[in-house]
Amino acid sequence: MFKVIFRVTTEVRNTAGLREIKRAGFIPFMAKREGEEEVYEALYKSNDLEELREAITEAAYFLNKVNRKGGNNFATIYKVNDNYVGKGLGGLLGASLGLKLGGIPGLFIGAIGGLLLGEILDVELNETFVGVYSWPISIEQ
């Protein structure tokens, strides 16, 4: 699995960029705007680097259609090792706190919340830097 951080610039404030990232096959989990720059963090569920490069080019094409442009640091890529420690501990901790605070319904809600937080923790702690890709030149107008 790979984590990709996209950086694009645009003058328009809408969610079209996020939609196009999803359309390219990525699973976004964070989006923020810093001035005219939009930053998206997304996961890609594959271990093939060539497939990831094709998906990044496709994302650049889709983002270009909605007036987004990238630069030399368009896509920063991290390799994420699949671990289940964070999900297991998060689910167990969330379920036990949910049961203590909210009974049986709290058990289920706490377990789901703990699994989600554990997944984010696994991604953040088990990543290795792969590289930075610039905006594909063939897409520019």
N, C-alpha and C. Protein backbone atom coordinates (compact mmCIF):
# COMPACT_ATOMS: atom_id res chain seq x y z
N MET A 1 0.85 -1.16 0.00
CA MET A 1 0.00 0.00 0.00
C MET A 1 0.91 1.24 0.00
N PHE A 2 0.46 2.28 -0.68
CA PHE A 2 1.22 3.53 -0.75
C PHE A 2 0.38 4.68 -0.21
N LYS A 3 1.06 5.64 0.41
CA LYS A 3 0.44 6.90 0.81
C LYS A 3 1.02 7.97 -0.10
N VAL A 4 0.14 8.78 -0.70
CA VAL A 4 0.56 9.82 -1.63
C VAL A 4 0.04 11.16 -1.13
N ILE A 5 0.92 12.16 -1.12
CA ILE A 5 0.53 13.52 -0.76
C ILE A 5 0.57 14.35 -2.03
N PHE A 6 -0.59 14.81 -2.48
CA PHE A 6 -0.70 15.64 -3.68
C PHE A 6 -0.70 17.11 -3.27
N ARG A 7 0.03 17.93 -4.02
CA ARG A 7 0.03 19.39 -3.83
C ARG A 7 -0.31 20.03 -5.17
N VAL A 8 -1.43 20.75 -5.20
CA VAL A 8 -1.85 21.43 -6.41
C VAL A 8 -2.22 22.87 -6.09
N THR A 9 -2.14 23.73 -7.10
CA THR A 9 -2.53 25.12 -6.92
C THR A 9 -3.77 25.40 -7.74
N THR A 10 -4.62 26.25 -7.20
CA THR A 10 -5.85 26.65 -7.88
C THR A 10 -6.37 27.93 -7.26
N GLU A 11 -7.13 28.66 -8.03
CA GLU A 11 -7.77 29.87 -7.52
C GLU A 11 -9.21 29.60 -7.11
N VAL A 12 -9.74 28.46 -7.51
CA VAL A 12 -11.14 28.11 -7.25
C VAL A 12 -11.24 27.37 -5.92
N ARG A 13 -12.26 27.69 -5.15
CA ARG A 13 -12.50 27.00 -3.87
C ARG A 13 -13.71 26.08 -4.01
N ASN A 14 -13.46 24.83 -4.34
CA ASN A 14 -14.53 23.83 -4.37
C ASN A 14 -13.92 22.46 -4.12
N THR A 15 -14.75 21.43 -4.10
CA THR A 15 -14.28 20.08 -3.78
C THR A 15 -14.04 19.24 -5.03
N ALA A 16 -13.92 19.87 -6.18
CA ALA A 16 -13.73 19.12 -7.42
C ALA A 16 -12.40 18.36 -7.42
N GLY A 17 -11.36 18.94 -6.82
CA GLY A 17 -10.07 18.26 -6.76
C GLY A 17 -10.14 16.97 -5.96
N LEU A 18 -10.83 16.99 -4.86
CA LEU A 18 -11.00 15.79 -4.03
C LEU A 18 -11.76 14.71 -4.80
N ARG A 19 -12.77 15.11 -5.52
CA ARG A 19 -13.56 14.17 -6.32
C ARG A 19 -12.69 13.52 -7.40
N GLU A 20 -11.81 14.30 -8.02
CA GLU A 20 -10.97 13.77 -9.08
C GLU A 20 -9.89 12.83 -8.54
N ILE A 21 -9.41 13.08 -7.32
CA ILE A 21 -8.46 12.17 -6.69
C ILE A 21 -9.12 10.80 -6.47
N LYS A 22 -10.37 10.82 -6.00
CA LYS A 22 -11.12 9.57 -5.81
C LYS A 22 -11.33 8.87 -7.14
N ARG A 23 -11.62 9.64 -8.16
CA ARG A 23 -11.90 9.09 -9.49
C ARG A 23 -10.68 8.36 -10.07
N ALA A 24 -9.49 8.79 -9.70
CA ALA A 24 -8.26 8.18 -10.18
C ALA A 24 -7.91 6.89 -9.43
N GLY A 25 -8.69 6.52 -8.43
CA GLY A 25 -8.47 5.27 -7.72
C GLY A 25 -7.82 5.40 -6.35
N PHE A 26 -7.67 6.61 -5.86
CA PHE A 26 -7.07 6.83 -4.55
C PHE A 26 -8.16 6.91 -3.48
N ILE A 27 -7.76 6.63 -2.25
CA ILE A 27 -8.67 6.73 -1.11
C ILE A 27 -8.21 7.92 -0.26
N PRO A 28 -8.81 9.10 -0.45
CA PRO A 28 -8.35 10.27 0.31
C PRO A 28 -8.77 10.20 1.77
N PHE A 29 -7.87 10.63 2.65
CA PHE A 29 -8.23 10.68 4.06
C PHE A 29 -7.93 12.03 4.69
N MET A 30 -7.37 12.97 3.91
CA MET A 30 -7.13 14.30 4.43
C MET A 30 -7.06 15.28 3.27
N ALA A 31 -7.70 16.43 3.45
CA ALA A 31 -7.63 17.50 2.45
C ALA A 31 -7.60 18.82 3.19
N LYS A 32 -6.69 19.70 2.77
CA LYS A 32 -6.64 21.03 3.39
C LYS A 32 -6.19 22.04 2.35
N ARG A 33 -6.45 23.29 2.64
CA ARG A 33 -6.12 24.38 1.74
C ARG A 33 -5.22 25.36 2.46
N GLU A 34 -4.10 25.72 1.84
CA GLU A 34 -3.15 26.69 2.38
C GLU A 34 -2.97 27.79 1.35
N GLY A 35 -3.75 28.84 1.44
CA GLY A 35 -3.70 29.91 0.45
C GLY A 35 -4.28 29.43 -0.86
N GLU A 36 -3.47 29.44 -1.92
CA GLU A 36 -3.91 28.93 -3.22
C GLU A 36 -3.49 27.49 -3.44
N GLU A 37 -2.86 26.87 -2.45
CA GLU A 37 -2.41 25.49 -2.59
C GLU A 37 -3.35 24.54 -1.85
N GLU A 38 -3.71 23.47 -2.52
CA GLU A 38 -4.52 22.41 -1.91
C GLU A 38 -3.62 21.21 -1.69
N VAL A 39 -3.76 20.58 -0.53
CA VAL A 39 -2.97 19.40 -0.18
C VAL A 39 -3.94 18.25 0.10
N TYR A 40 -3.72 17.14 -0.59
CA TYR A 40 -4.55 15.94 -0.40
C TYR A 40 -3.63 14.80 0.01
N GLU A 41 -4.01 14.06 1.05
CA GLU A 41 -3.32 12.83 1.42
C GLU A 41 -4.26 11.69 1.08
N ALA A 42 -3.73 10.69 0.39
CA ALA A 42 -4.57 9.59 -0.07
C ALA A 42 -3.78 8.28 -0.02
N LEU A 43 -4.50 7.18 0.10
CA LEU A 43 -3.91 5.85 0.07
C LEU A 43 -4.18 5.21 -1.28
N TYR A 44 -3.26 4.37 -1.70
CA TYR A 44 -3.44 3.61 -2.93
C TYR A 44 -3.21 2.15 -2.59
N LYS A 45 -4.22 1.31 -2.76
CA LYS A 45 -4.18 -0.09 -2.33
C LYS A 45 -3.54 -0.98 -3.39
N SER A 46 -2.25 -0.85 -3.56
CA SER A 46 -1.49 -1.72 -4.45
C SER A 46 -0.04 -1.68 -4.02
N ASN A 47 0.70 -2.71 -4.33
CA ASN A 47 2.12 -2.73 -4.02
C ASN A 47 2.98 -2.61 -5.27
N ASP A 48 2.35 -2.32 -6.42
CA ASP A 48 3.05 -2.19 -7.69
C ASP A 48 3.33 -0.71 -7.96
N LEU A 49 4.61 -0.36 -8.04
CA LEU A 49 5.00 1.04 -8.22
C LEU A 49 4.62 1.56 -9.60
N GLU A 50 4.69 0.72 -10.63
CA GLU A 50 4.31 1.16 -11.98
C GLU A 50 2.81 1.47 -12.06
N GLU A 51 2.02 0.67 -11.40
CA GLU A 51 0.57 0.92 -11.35
C GLU A 51 0.28 2.23 -10.63
N LEU A 52 1.05 2.50 -9.59
CA LEU A 52 0.89 3.76 -8.85
C LEU A 52 1.26 4.94 -9.74
N ARG A 53 2.33 4.84 -10.50
CA ARG A 53 2.73 5.93 -11.40
C ARG A 53 1.66 6.22 -12.43
N GLU A 54 1.04 5.18 -12.97
CA GLU A 54 -0.06 5.38 -13.91
C GLU A 54 -1.24 6.07 -13.24
N ALA A 55 -1.54 5.70 -12.01
CA ALA A 55 -2.64 6.32 -11.28
C ALA A 55 -2.34 7.79 -10.97
N ILE A 56 -1.07 8.11 -10.69
CA ILE A 56 -0.69 9.50 -10.44
C ILE A 56 -0.85 10.33 -11.71
N THR A 57 -0.45 9.77 -12.85
CA THR A 57 -0.63 10.47 -14.13
C THR A 57 -2.11 10.68 -14.44
N GLU A 58 -2.92 9.66 -14.14
CA GLU A 58 -4.36 9.78 -14.34
C GLU A 58 -4.95 10.85 -13.42
N ALA A 59 -4.49 10.90 -12.17
CA ALA A 59 -4.96 11.93 -11.24
C ALA A 59 -4.58 13.31 -11.74
N ALA A 60 -3.37 13.45 -12.28
CA ALA A 60 -2.93 14.74 -12.82
C ALA A 60 -3.81 15.16 -14.00
N TYR A 61 -4.17 14.21 -14.84
CA TYR A 61 -5.05 14.50 -15.97
C TYR A 61 -6.41 14.98 -15.49
N PHE A 62 -6.98 14.27 -14.52
CA PHE A 62 -8.30 14.65 -14.00
C PHE A 62 -8.24 16.00 -13.28
N LEU A 63 -7.16 16.24 -12.52
CA LEU A 63 -7.03 17.51 -11.82
C LEU A 63 -6.85 18.67 -12.80
N ASN A 64 -6.17 18.42 -13.90
CA ASN A 64 -5.99 19.45 -14.92
C ASN A 64 -7.33 19.85 -15.54
N LYS A 65 -8.24 18.90 -15.65
CA LYS A 65 -9.57 19.18 -16.22
C LYS A 65 -10.39 20.11 -15.33
N VAL A 66 -10.09 20.16 -14.03
CA VAL A 66 -10.82 21.04 -13.11
C VAL A 66 -9.94 22.21 -12.65
N ASN A 67 -9.03 22.61 -13.52
CA ASN A 67 -8.18 23.80 -13.33
C ASN A 67 -7.27 23.73 -12.11
N ARG A 68 -6.66 22.58 -11.89
CA ARG A 68 -5.63 22.43 -10.85
C ARG A 68 -4.30 22.19 -11.56
N LYS A 69 -3.25 22.77 -11.03
CA LYS A 69 -1.91 22.61 -11.60
C LYS A 69 -0.96 22.17 -10.49
N GLY A 70 0.00 21.35 -10.86
CA GLY A 70 1.01 20.90 -9.92
C GLY A 70 2.36 21.48 -10.26
N GLY A 71 3.31 21.26 -9.37
CA GLY A 71 4.67 21.76 -9.57
C GLY A 71 5.68 20.63 -9.48
N ASN A 72 6.88 20.98 -9.01
CA ASN A 72 7.93 19.98 -8.88
C ASN A 72 7.67 18.99 -7.75
N ASN A 73 6.84 19.35 -6.79
CA ASN A 73 6.52 18.45 -5.68
C ASN A 73 5.05 18.03 -5.74
N PHE A 74 4.58 17.66 -6.92
CA PHE A 74 3.17 17.31 -7.11
C PHE A 74 2.75 16.11 -6.27
N ALA A 75 3.53 15.04 -6.28
CA ALA A 75 3.15 13.83 -5.55
C ALA A 75 4.34 13.33 -4.74
N THR A 76 4.19 13.29 -3.43
CA THR A 76 5.19 12.72 -2.54
C THR A 76 4.69 11.34 -2.13
N ILE A 77 5.52 10.32 -2.33
CA ILE A 77 5.07 8.94 -2.15
C ILE A 77 5.79 8.29 -0.98
N TYR A 78 4.99 7.59 -0.17
CA TYR A 78 5.51 6.80 0.95
C TYR A 78 4.98 5.37 0.81
N LYS A 79 5.84 4.40 1.07
CA LYS A 79 5.44 2.99 1.11
C LYS A 79 4.98 2.69 2.52
N VAL A 80 3.79 2.11 2.65
CA VAL A 80 3.22 1.81 3.96
C VAL A 80 3.20 0.30 4.14
N ASN A 81 3.82 -0.18 5.20
CA ASN A 81 3.80 -1.60 5.52
C ASN A 81 2.48 -1.93 6.20
N ASP A 82 1.84 -2.99 5.75
CA ASP A 82 0.55 -3.37 6.33
C ASP A 82 0.77 -4.06 7.68
N ASN A 83 0.34 -3.41 8.73
CA ASN A 83 0.39 -3.97 10.08
C ASN A 83 -1.01 -3.92 10.67
N TYR A 84 -1.25 -4.81 11.60
CA TYR A 84 -2.56 -4.86 12.24
C TYR A 84 -2.48 -4.54 13.72
N VAL A 85 -1.32 -4.12 14.19
CA VAL A 85 -1.14 -3.83 15.61
C VAL A 85 -2.00 -2.64 16.03
N GLY A 86 -1.94 -1.55 15.27
CA GLY A 86 -2.71 -0.35 15.60
C GLY A 86 -4.21 -0.60 15.54
N LYS A 87 -4.65 -1.34 14.51
CA LYS A 87 -6.08 -1.64 14.39
C LYS A 87 -6.55 -2.52 15.54
N GLY A 88 -5.73 -3.50 15.90
CA GLY A 88 -6.10 -4.40 16.99
C GLY A 88 -6.15 -3.68 18.33
N LEU A 89 -5.11 -2.92 18.62
CA LEU A 89 -5.10 -2.19 19.89
C LEU A 89 -6.17 -1.10 19.92
N GLY A 90 -6.35 -0.40 18.82
CA GLY A 90 -7.37 0.64 18.75
C GLY A 90 -8.77 0.08 18.92
N GLY A 91 -9.05 -1.04 18.26
CA GLY A 91 -10.37 -1.66 18.39
C GLY A 91 -10.63 -2.16 19.80
N LEU A 92 -9.63 -2.78 20.40
CA LEU A 92 -9.77 -3.29 21.77
C LEU A 92 -9.95 -2.15 22.77
N LEU A 93 -9.12 -1.12 22.66
CA LEU A 93 -9.23 0.02 23.56
C LEU A 93 -10.55 0.77 23.37
N GLY A 94 -10.94 0.98 22.10
CA GLY A 94 -12.20 1.67 21.83
C GLY A 94 -13.40 0.89 22.33
N ALA A 95 -13.37 -0.44 22.14
CA ALA A 95 -14.49 -1.27 22.60
C ALA A 95 -14.58 -1.28 24.12
N SER A 96 -13.45 -1.37 24.79
CA SER A 96 -13.51 -1.41 26.26
C SER A 96 -13.95 -0.06 26.83
N LEU A 97 -13.44 1.05 26.26
CA LEU A 97 -13.91 2.36 26.73
C LEU A 97 -15.38 2.58 26.39
N GLY A 98 -15.80 2.14 25.21
CA GLY A 98 -17.20 2.28 24.81
C GLY A 98 -18.12 1.49 25.71
N LEU A 99 -17.72 0.27 26.08
CA LEU A 99 -18.53 -0.55 26.98
C LEU A 99 -18.64 0.09 28.35
N LYS A 100 -17.54 0.63 28.84
CA LYS A 100 -17.53 1.26 30.17
C LYS A 100 -18.40 2.52 30.19
N LEU A 101 -18.31 3.32 29.12
CA LEU A 101 -19.03 4.60 29.10
C LEU A 101 -20.45 4.52 28.54
N GLY A 102 -20.69 3.61 27.58
CA GLY A 102 -21.99 3.63 26.92
C GLY A 102 -22.70 2.31 26.83
N GLY A 103 -22.24 1.29 27.53
CA GLY A 103 -22.90 0.00 27.49
C GLY A 103 -22.65 -0.72 26.17
N ILE A 104 -23.63 -1.55 25.79
CA ILE A 104 -23.50 -2.36 24.57
C ILE A 104 -23.44 -1.49 23.31
N PRO A 105 -24.28 -0.46 23.14
CA PRO A 105 -24.13 0.38 21.94
C PRO A 105 -22.76 1.08 21.90
N GLY A 106 -22.27 1.48 23.06
CA GLY A 106 -20.95 2.11 23.13
C GLY A 106 -19.84 1.15 22.75
N LEU A 107 -20.04 -0.12 23.03
CA LEU A 107 -19.06 -1.14 22.66
C LEU A 107 -18.84 -1.15 21.15
N PHE A 108 -19.94 -1.16 20.38
CA PHE A 108 -19.82 -1.20 18.92
C PHE A 108 -19.27 0.11 18.35
N ILE A 109 -19.76 1.22 18.85
CA ILE A 109 -19.29 2.52 18.36
C ILE A 109 -17.82 2.72 18.72
N GLY A 110 -17.44 2.35 19.93
CA GLY A 110 -16.04 2.47 20.35
C GLY A 110 -15.12 1.57 19.55
N ALA A 111 -15.57 0.36 19.23
CA ALA A 111 -14.75 -0.56 18.44
C ALA A 111 -14.52 -0.01 17.03
N ILE A 112 -15.56 0.53 16.41
CA ILE A 112 -15.42 1.10 15.06
C ILE A 112 -14.50 2.31 15.09
N GLY A 113 -14.69 3.19 16.05
CA GLY A 113 -13.82 4.37 16.17
C GLY A 113 -12.38 3.98 16.44
N GLY A 114 -12.17 3.00 17.29
CA GLY A 114 -10.82 2.53 17.58
C GLY A 114 -10.14 1.91 16.37
N LEU A 115 -10.91 1.17 15.57
CA LEU A 115 -10.35 0.59 14.34
C LEU A 115 -9.92 1.67 13.37
N LEU A 116 -10.74 2.70 13.22
CA LEU A 116 -10.38 3.79 12.30
C LEU A 116 -9.14 4.54 12.78
N LEU A 117 -9.09 4.87 14.07
CA LEU A 117 -7.91 5.55 14.59
C LEU A 117 -6.67 4.65 14.53
N GLY A 118 -6.85 3.37 14.74
CA GLY A 118 -5.73 2.44 14.64
C GLY A 118 -5.20 2.34 13.22
N GLU A 119 -6.08 2.39 12.23
CA GLU A 119 -5.66 2.37 10.82
C GLU A 119 -4.83 3.60 10.50
N ILE A 120 -5.26 4.77 10.95
CA ILE A 120 -4.50 5.99 10.70
C ILE A 120 -3.15 5.93 11.39
N LEU A 121 -3.12 5.39 12.60
CA LEU A 121 -1.86 5.25 13.33
C LEU A 121 -0.91 4.29 12.61
N ASP A 122 -1.44 3.17 12.09
CA ASP A 122 -0.61 2.23 11.34
C ASP A 122 0.00 2.88 10.11
N VAL A 123 -0.79 3.69 9.41
CA VAL A 123 -0.30 4.36 8.21
C VAL A 123 0.80 5.35 8.55
N GLU A 124 0.59 6.15 9.59
CA GLU A 124 1.56 7.18 9.94
C GLU A 124 2.87 6.62 10.49
N LEU A 125 2.82 5.53 11.22
CA LEU A 125 4.02 5.01 11.86
C LEU A 125 4.82 4.04 10.99
N ASN A 126 4.21 3.43 10.01
CA ASN A 126 4.88 2.40 9.21
C ASN A 126 5.11 2.83 7.78
N GLU A 127 5.56 4.06 7.57
CA GLU A 127 5.78 4.53 6.22
C GLU A 127 7.26 4.74 5.95
N THR A 128 7.64 4.50 4.69
CA THR A 128 9.00 4.68 4.22
C THR A 128 8.96 5.57 2.99
N PHE A 129 9.80 6.59 2.96
CA PHE A 129 9.83 7.53 1.84
C PHE A 129 10.28 6.82 0.57
N VAL A 130 9.53 7.03 -0.53
CA VAL A 130 9.86 6.43 -1.82
C VAL A 130 10.41 7.48 -2.78
N GLY A 131 9.71 8.60 -2.92
CA GLY A 131 10.18 9.62 -3.84
C GLY A 131 9.16 10.71 -4.05
N VAL A 132 9.56 11.69 -4.87
CA VAL A 132 8.70 12.82 -5.20
C VAL A 132 8.58 12.87 -6.72
N TYR A 133 7.35 12.99 -7.21
CA TYR A 133 7.11 13.10 -8.65
C TYR A 133 6.62 14.49 -8.98
N SER A 134 7.12 15.02 -10.07
CA SER A 134 6.68 16.35 -10.51
C SER A 134 5.46 16.20 -11.41
N TRP A 135 4.85 17.33 -11.70
CA TRP A 135 3.67 17.38 -12.57
C TRP A 135 4.07 16.86 -13.95
N PRO A 136 3.31 15.91 -14.50
CA PRO A 136 3.67 15.37 -15.82
C PRO A 136 3.65 16.45 -16.90
N ILE A 137 4.75 16.59 -17.62
CA ILE A 137 4.88 17.66 -18.62
C ILE A 137 3.92 17.47 -19.78
N SER A 138 3.61 16.23 -20.13
CA SER A 138 2.75 15.99 -21.29
C SER A 138 1.32 16.47 -21.08
N ILE A 139 0.95 16.76 -19.85
CA ILE A 139 -0.42 17.19 -19.57
C ILE A 139 -0.56 18.71 -19.69
N GLU A 140 0.53 19.44 -19.45
CA GLU A 140 0.45 20.89 -19.44
C GLU A 140 0.03 21.41 -20.80
N GLN A 141 -0.70 22.53 -20.78
CA GLN A 141 -1.21 23.10 -22.02
C GLN A 141 -0.29 24.18 -22.52
